[in-house]
């Protein structure tokens, strides 16, 4: 039961990431984005993944509970994509500033 609740939590946190990534891609601007926020979320997911790998009870039942980690990895992939888009968009912002000035 705790794994199902954990999946619900990770899904709730991660439900908006695909839309957020698409918004970042289409916006072509880093304005309004916080790199420190994105990195904090990334570190949180890494900590969640590490907690699974260091939990002896979880690892003992890994064959039956591997699916929990899948949701963490999907979310960390979405956050990683948004971080990459942040840097792309920041470069586009600088390019636009140079063209204006």
N, C-alpha and C. Protein backbone atom coordinates (compact mmCIF):
# COMPACT_ATOMS: atom_id res chain seq x y z
N UNK A 1 0.81 -1.20 0.00
CA UNK A 1 0.00 0.00 0.00
C UNK A 1 0.85 1.26 0.00
N UNK A 2 1.98 1.24 0.74
CA UNK A 2 2.82 2.43 0.79
C UNK A 2 3.42 2.75 -0.57
N UNK A 3 3.70 1.71 -1.38
CA UNK A 3 4.23 1.96 -2.72
C UNK A 3 3.20 2.65 -3.60
N UNK A 4 1.94 2.27 -3.46
CA UNK A 4 0.88 2.89 -4.25
C UNK A 4 0.72 4.36 -3.86
N UNK A 5 0.79 4.65 -2.58
CA UNK A 5 0.71 6.04 -2.13
C UNK A 5 1.92 6.84 -2.61
N UNK A 6 3.08 6.20 -2.59
CA UNK A 6 4.28 6.87 -3.08
C UNK A 6 4.17 7.16 -4.57
N UNK A 7 3.66 6.20 -5.33
CA UNK A 7 3.45 6.42 -6.76
C UNK A 7 2.46 7.57 -6.98
N UNK A 8 1.40 7.60 -6.18
CA UNK A 8 0.43 8.69 -6.29
C UNK A 8 1.10 10.04 -6.04
N UNK A 9 1.99 10.09 -5.04
CA UNK A 9 2.70 11.33 -4.75
C UNK A 9 3.60 11.73 -5.92
N UNK A 10 4.37 10.78 -6.44
CA UNK A 10 5.29 11.09 -7.52
C UNK A 10 4.51 11.47 -8.79
N UNK A 11 3.40 10.79 -9.04
CA UNK A 11 2.56 11.15 -10.19
C UNK A 11 1.97 12.55 -10.03
N UNK A 12 1.52 12.87 -8.83
CA UNK A 12 0.96 14.19 -8.59
C UNK A 12 2.00 15.28 -8.83
N UNK A 13 3.22 15.05 -8.34
CA UNK A 13 4.29 16.03 -8.56
C UNK A 13 4.70 16.07 -10.02
N UNK A 14 4.68 14.93 -10.67
CA UNK A 14 5.18 14.85 -12.04
C UNK A 14 4.17 15.09 -13.13
N UNK A 15 2.90 15.20 -12.79
CA UNK A 15 1.87 15.35 -13.82
C UNK A 15 2.04 16.62 -14.65
N UNK A 16 2.57 17.64 -14.04
CA UNK A 16 2.70 18.92 -14.75
C UNK A 16 4.00 19.03 -15.55
N UNK A 17 4.96 18.15 -15.33
CA UNK A 17 6.26 18.31 -16.00
C UNK A 17 6.19 18.25 -17.52
N UNK A 18 5.44 17.31 -18.13
CA UNK A 18 5.40 17.33 -19.60
C UNK A 18 4.83 18.64 -20.15
N UNK A 19 3.80 19.17 -19.50
CA UNK A 19 3.24 20.45 -19.95
C UNK A 19 4.24 21.58 -19.73
N UNK A 20 4.95 21.54 -18.61
CA UNK A 20 5.94 22.57 -18.31
C UNK A 20 7.08 22.54 -19.32
N UNK A 21 7.52 21.34 -19.69
CA UNK A 21 8.59 21.21 -20.68
C UNK A 21 8.13 21.76 -22.02
N UNK A 22 6.91 21.45 -22.43
CA UNK A 22 6.40 21.97 -23.70
C UNK A 22 6.28 23.49 -23.66
N UNK A 23 5.86 24.02 -22.52
CA UNK A 23 5.75 25.48 -22.37
C UNK A 23 7.14 26.12 -22.49
N UNK A 24 8.13 25.52 -21.85
CA UNK A 24 9.49 26.04 -21.94
C UNK A 24 10.01 25.98 -23.37
N UNK A 25 9.70 24.89 -24.06
CA UNK A 25 10.15 24.72 -25.44
C UNK A 25 9.53 25.78 -26.35
N UNK A 26 8.23 26.00 -26.20
CA UNK A 26 7.52 26.95 -27.05
C UNK A 26 7.84 28.40 -26.70
N UNK A 27 8.07 28.68 -25.41
CA UNK A 27 8.31 30.05 -24.96
C UNK A 27 9.61 30.62 -25.52
N UNK A 28 10.62 29.78 -25.67
CA UNK A 28 11.92 30.20 -26.18
C UNK A 28 12.51 31.35 -25.35
N UNK A 29 12.20 31.34 -24.05
CA UNK A 29 12.71 32.35 -23.13
C UNK A 29 12.84 31.73 -21.75
N UNK A 30 13.89 32.14 -21.04
CA UNK A 30 14.10 31.65 -19.67
C UNK A 30 13.50 32.60 -18.64
N UNK A 31 12.88 33.67 -19.12
CA UNK A 31 12.28 34.63 -18.20
C UNK A 31 11.17 33.97 -17.40
N UNK A 32 11.21 34.17 -16.10
CA UNK A 32 10.22 33.58 -15.21
C UNK A 32 10.60 32.19 -14.72
N UNK A 33 11.71 31.64 -15.20
CA UNK A 33 12.17 30.32 -14.77
C UNK A 33 13.22 30.49 -13.69
N UNK A 34 13.29 29.54 -12.79
CA UNK A 34 14.28 29.57 -11.73
C UNK A 34 15.15 28.31 -11.82
N UNK A 35 16.41 28.51 -12.18
CA UNK A 35 17.32 27.37 -12.26
C UNK A 35 17.50 26.73 -10.89
N UNK A 36 17.58 27.54 -9.84
CA UNK A 36 17.76 26.96 -8.49
C UNK A 36 16.57 26.09 -8.11
N UNK A 37 15.35 26.49 -8.49
CA UNK A 37 14.17 25.67 -8.22
C UNK A 37 14.26 24.34 -8.97
N UNK A 38 14.60 24.40 -10.25
CA UNK A 38 14.71 23.18 -11.05
C UNK A 38 15.78 22.24 -10.48
N UNK A 39 16.91 22.81 -10.07
CA UNK A 39 17.98 21.99 -9.50
C UNK A 39 17.57 21.38 -8.16
N UNK A 40 16.81 22.13 -7.38
CA UNK A 40 16.33 21.61 -6.10
C UNK A 40 15.38 20.42 -6.33
N UNK A 41 14.51 20.53 -7.29
CA UNK A 41 13.61 19.42 -7.63
C UNK A 41 14.42 18.22 -8.11
N UNK A 42 15.42 18.48 -8.96
CA UNK A 42 16.28 17.42 -9.48
C UNK A 42 16.97 16.68 -8.33
N UNK A 43 17.54 17.44 -7.40
CA UNK A 43 18.23 16.84 -6.25
C UNK A 43 17.24 16.04 -5.40
N UNK A 44 16.02 16.52 -5.27
CA UNK A 44 15.00 15.79 -4.52
C UNK A 44 14.70 14.43 -5.14
N UNK A 45 14.59 14.40 -6.46
CA UNK A 45 14.35 13.11 -7.14
C UNK A 45 15.56 12.19 -7.01
N UNK A 46 16.76 12.74 -7.10
CA UNK A 46 17.96 11.92 -6.92
C UNK A 46 17.96 11.33 -5.52
N UNK A 47 17.60 12.13 -4.53
CA UNK A 47 17.54 11.63 -3.14
C UNK A 47 16.49 10.54 -3.01
N UNK A 48 15.35 10.70 -3.67
CA UNK A 48 14.32 9.68 -3.62
C UNK A 48 14.78 8.37 -4.23
N UNK A 49 15.49 8.47 -5.36
CA UNK A 49 16.04 7.27 -6.01
C UNK A 49 17.09 6.62 -5.12
N UNK A 50 17.98 7.44 -4.55
CA UNK A 50 19.02 6.91 -3.67
C UNK A 50 18.41 6.24 -2.44
N UNK A 51 17.32 6.81 -1.94
CA UNK A 51 16.68 6.20 -0.76
C UNK A 51 16.18 4.80 -1.08
N UNK A 52 15.71 4.61 -2.30
CA UNK A 52 15.24 3.26 -2.68
C UNK A 52 16.41 2.28 -2.73
N UNK A 53 17.51 2.70 -3.35
CA UNK A 53 18.65 1.80 -3.50
C UNK A 53 19.35 1.51 -2.17
N UNK A 54 19.17 2.38 -1.18
CA UNK A 54 19.81 2.14 0.12
C UNK A 54 18.87 1.50 1.13
N UNK A 55 17.62 1.26 0.74
CA UNK A 55 16.64 0.63 1.62
C UNK A 55 16.70 -0.88 1.42
N UNK A 56 17.21 -1.57 2.44
CA UNK A 56 17.39 -3.03 2.33
C UNK A 56 16.08 -3.77 2.08
N UNK A 57 15.02 -3.35 2.73
CA UNK A 57 13.73 -4.02 2.54
C UNK A 57 13.23 -3.84 1.11
N UNK A 58 13.39 -2.64 0.59
CA UNK A 58 12.97 -2.39 -0.80
C UNK A 58 13.80 -3.22 -1.77
N UNK A 59 15.11 -3.22 -1.57
CA UNK A 59 15.99 -3.96 -2.48
C UNK A 59 15.75 -5.47 -2.39
N UNK A 60 15.38 -5.96 -1.22
CA UNK A 60 15.09 -7.38 -1.07
C UNK A 60 13.86 -7.78 -1.88
N UNK A 61 12.94 -6.84 -2.05
CA UNK A 61 11.71 -7.11 -2.80
C UNK A 61 11.72 -6.39 -4.15
N UNK A 62 12.90 -6.05 -4.64
CA UNK A 62 13.02 -5.25 -5.86
C UNK A 62 12.30 -5.88 -7.05
N UNK A 63 12.35 -7.19 -7.19
CA UNK A 63 11.70 -7.87 -8.31
C UNK A 63 10.20 -7.59 -8.35
N UNK A 64 9.59 -7.39 -7.20
CA UNK A 64 8.16 -7.11 -7.15
C UNK A 64 7.85 -5.61 -7.09
N UNK A 65 8.83 -4.77 -6.75
CA UNK A 65 8.56 -3.35 -6.51
C UNK A 65 9.37 -2.41 -7.42
N UNK A 66 9.94 -2.91 -8.49
CA UNK A 66 10.77 -2.09 -9.37
C UNK A 66 10.00 -0.93 -9.98
N UNK A 67 8.69 -1.11 -10.17
CA UNK A 67 7.87 -0.11 -10.85
C UNK A 67 7.84 1.24 -10.12
N UNK A 68 8.08 1.23 -8.81
CA UNK A 68 8.09 2.49 -8.07
C UNK A 68 9.19 3.41 -8.60
N UNK A 69 10.35 2.83 -8.87
CA UNK A 69 11.46 3.64 -9.37
C UNK A 69 11.21 4.19 -10.77
N UNK A 70 10.41 3.50 -11.56
CA UNK A 70 10.12 3.97 -12.92
C UNK A 70 9.56 5.38 -12.88
N UNK A 71 8.67 5.65 -11.95
CA UNK A 71 8.05 6.98 -11.87
C UNK A 71 9.07 8.05 -11.46
N UNK A 72 9.99 7.69 -10.60
CA UNK A 72 11.06 8.63 -10.24
C UNK A 72 11.92 8.95 -11.47
N UNK A 73 12.27 7.93 -12.23
CA UNK A 73 13.12 8.14 -13.40
C UNK A 73 12.40 8.94 -14.49
N UNK A 74 11.11 8.72 -14.66
CA UNK A 74 10.34 9.53 -15.62
C UNK A 74 10.35 10.99 -15.21
N UNK A 75 10.13 11.25 -13.92
CA UNK A 75 10.11 12.63 -13.44
C UNK A 75 11.49 13.28 -13.54
N UNK A 76 12.53 12.54 -13.22
CA UNK A 76 13.87 13.13 -13.30
C UNK A 76 14.23 13.41 -14.76
N UNK A 77 13.73 12.61 -15.68
CA UNK A 77 13.97 12.87 -17.11
C UNK A 77 13.26 14.17 -17.53
N UNK A 78 12.04 14.38 -17.04
CA UNK A 78 11.30 15.60 -17.37
C UNK A 78 11.99 16.83 -16.79
N UNK A 79 12.44 16.74 -15.55
CA UNK A 79 13.13 17.87 -14.92
C UNK A 79 14.44 18.14 -15.67
N UNK A 80 15.14 17.08 -16.06
CA UNK A 80 16.39 17.25 -16.81
C UNK A 80 16.13 17.95 -18.14
N UNK A 81 15.06 17.57 -18.82
CA UNK A 81 14.71 18.23 -20.08
C UNK A 81 14.42 19.70 -19.84
N UNK A 82 13.73 20.02 -18.76
CA UNK A 82 13.43 21.42 -18.47
C UNK A 82 14.69 22.20 -18.13
N UNK A 83 15.64 21.57 -17.46
CA UNK A 83 16.92 22.23 -17.16
C UNK A 83 17.67 22.52 -18.46
N UNK A 84 17.71 21.56 -19.35
CA UNK A 84 18.36 21.78 -20.65
C UNK A 84 17.68 22.89 -21.43
N UNK A 85 16.36 22.91 -21.40
CA UNK A 85 15.63 23.98 -22.08
C UNK A 85 15.89 25.34 -21.44
N UNK A 86 16.08 25.36 -20.13
CA UNK A 86 16.42 26.61 -19.46
C UNK A 86 17.69 27.20 -20.06
N UNK A 87 18.72 26.38 -20.23
CA UNK A 87 19.97 26.88 -20.79
C UNK A 87 19.83 27.27 -22.26
N UNK A 88 19.05 26.49 -23.02
CA UNK A 88 18.79 26.87 -24.41
C UNK A 88 18.07 28.21 -24.46
N UNK A 89 17.04 28.35 -23.63
CA UNK A 89 16.26 29.58 -23.64
C UNK A 89 17.05 30.78 -23.13
N UNK A 90 17.92 30.54 -22.18
CA UNK A 90 18.77 31.64 -21.69
C UNK A 90 19.69 32.12 -22.81
N UNK A 91 20.23 31.18 -23.59
CA UNK A 91 21.07 31.55 -24.73
C UNK A 91 20.26 32.31 -25.77
N UNK A 92 19.03 31.89 -25.99
CA UNK A 92 18.17 32.62 -26.93
C UNK A 92 17.85 34.02 -26.42
N UNK A 93 17.66 34.16 -25.11
CA UNK A 93 17.43 35.48 -24.52
C UNK A 93 18.63 36.39 -24.73
N UNK A 94 19.84 35.86 -24.52
CA UNK A 94 21.05 36.66 -24.72
C UNK A 94 21.22 37.05 -26.17
N UNK A 95 20.91 36.14 -27.06
CA UNK A 95 21.00 36.41 -28.49
C UNK A 95 20.03 37.52 -28.88
N UNK A 96 18.82 37.48 -28.34
CA UNK A 96 17.82 38.51 -28.62
C UNK A 96 18.24 39.85 -28.06
N UNK A 97 18.85 39.85 -26.87
CA UNK A 97 19.34 41.10 -26.27
C UNK A 97 20.45 41.71 -27.12
N UNK A 98 21.35 40.87 -27.60
CA UNK A 98 22.45 41.37 -28.44
C UNK A 98 21.93 41.92 -29.76
N UNK A 99 20.89 41.32 -30.30
CA UNK A 99 20.30 41.79 -31.55
C UNK A 99 19.61 43.15 -31.37
N UNK A 100 19.05 43.36 -30.18
CA UNK A 100 18.37 44.62 -29.87
C UNK A 100 19.36 45.75 -29.59
N UNK A 101 20.43 45.41 -28.90
CA UNK A 101 21.32 46.44 -28.39
C UNK A 101 22.55 46.59 -29.16
